[in-house]
Amino acid sequence: MKTISLFGFALAAIGCGGSGTSGDGAMTLGTKQLPGYQIDLAASITLDQTGFGVTATSSGRYRLLWVGTESDVLEGQVTTDGMFDPTATSPLGGKELVTNNPQLISFHLNPSAATNGLDLVTSGGPIYLDLTRNADRAQASIEFVRQGTREISAHNPVAFEATGTR
């Protein structure tokens, strides 16, 4: 199994606060009103098991990473309330992108590089992730850091919005 470090990225929270919460601390985020989490800016985590991780490094910049075996098929879609900058979307470790436009980033891959993931930039709002491992959302764990603690999302699809200043 490969180990990947996630280095923090930051997104300035842009008026998309949540109105409701769940027992796991998720709140309703963005215009899609999906359950989601406010993640720490510049947090660092290491993926040491199959799954996904998300972090934010600076205003509007996110990093999505994943680990899997070569027989895994990892797929996902990323959307946002704002617009993505397709020229700033950068695959890490290969040709993962299927769609890269201002409204949607999607990927389909068999993990094979030392680092698999995407750096992406949005003009505002949370990002929304809809991820699968071997066509199963339940197998697609999504790790993040909130209030200094590493957590796994109880939701998929899920929204993420960075909090704090940098």
Foldseek 3Di string as FASTA:
>chain_A
DFKDKDWAAAAEADPFDFDDADPVGWGQTDPVRFTADAFAGGDMDMDPDFAKEKHHHYHQKIKIWGDDAQPKKKKKKKAFPFFKDLVQKDWPFDDFWDDGGGGMTIGIHRDDGSITIIMIGGPHTWMWMAMDINPHSVVHWYWGHHPRDIDTDPDGRYTYHYDDHD
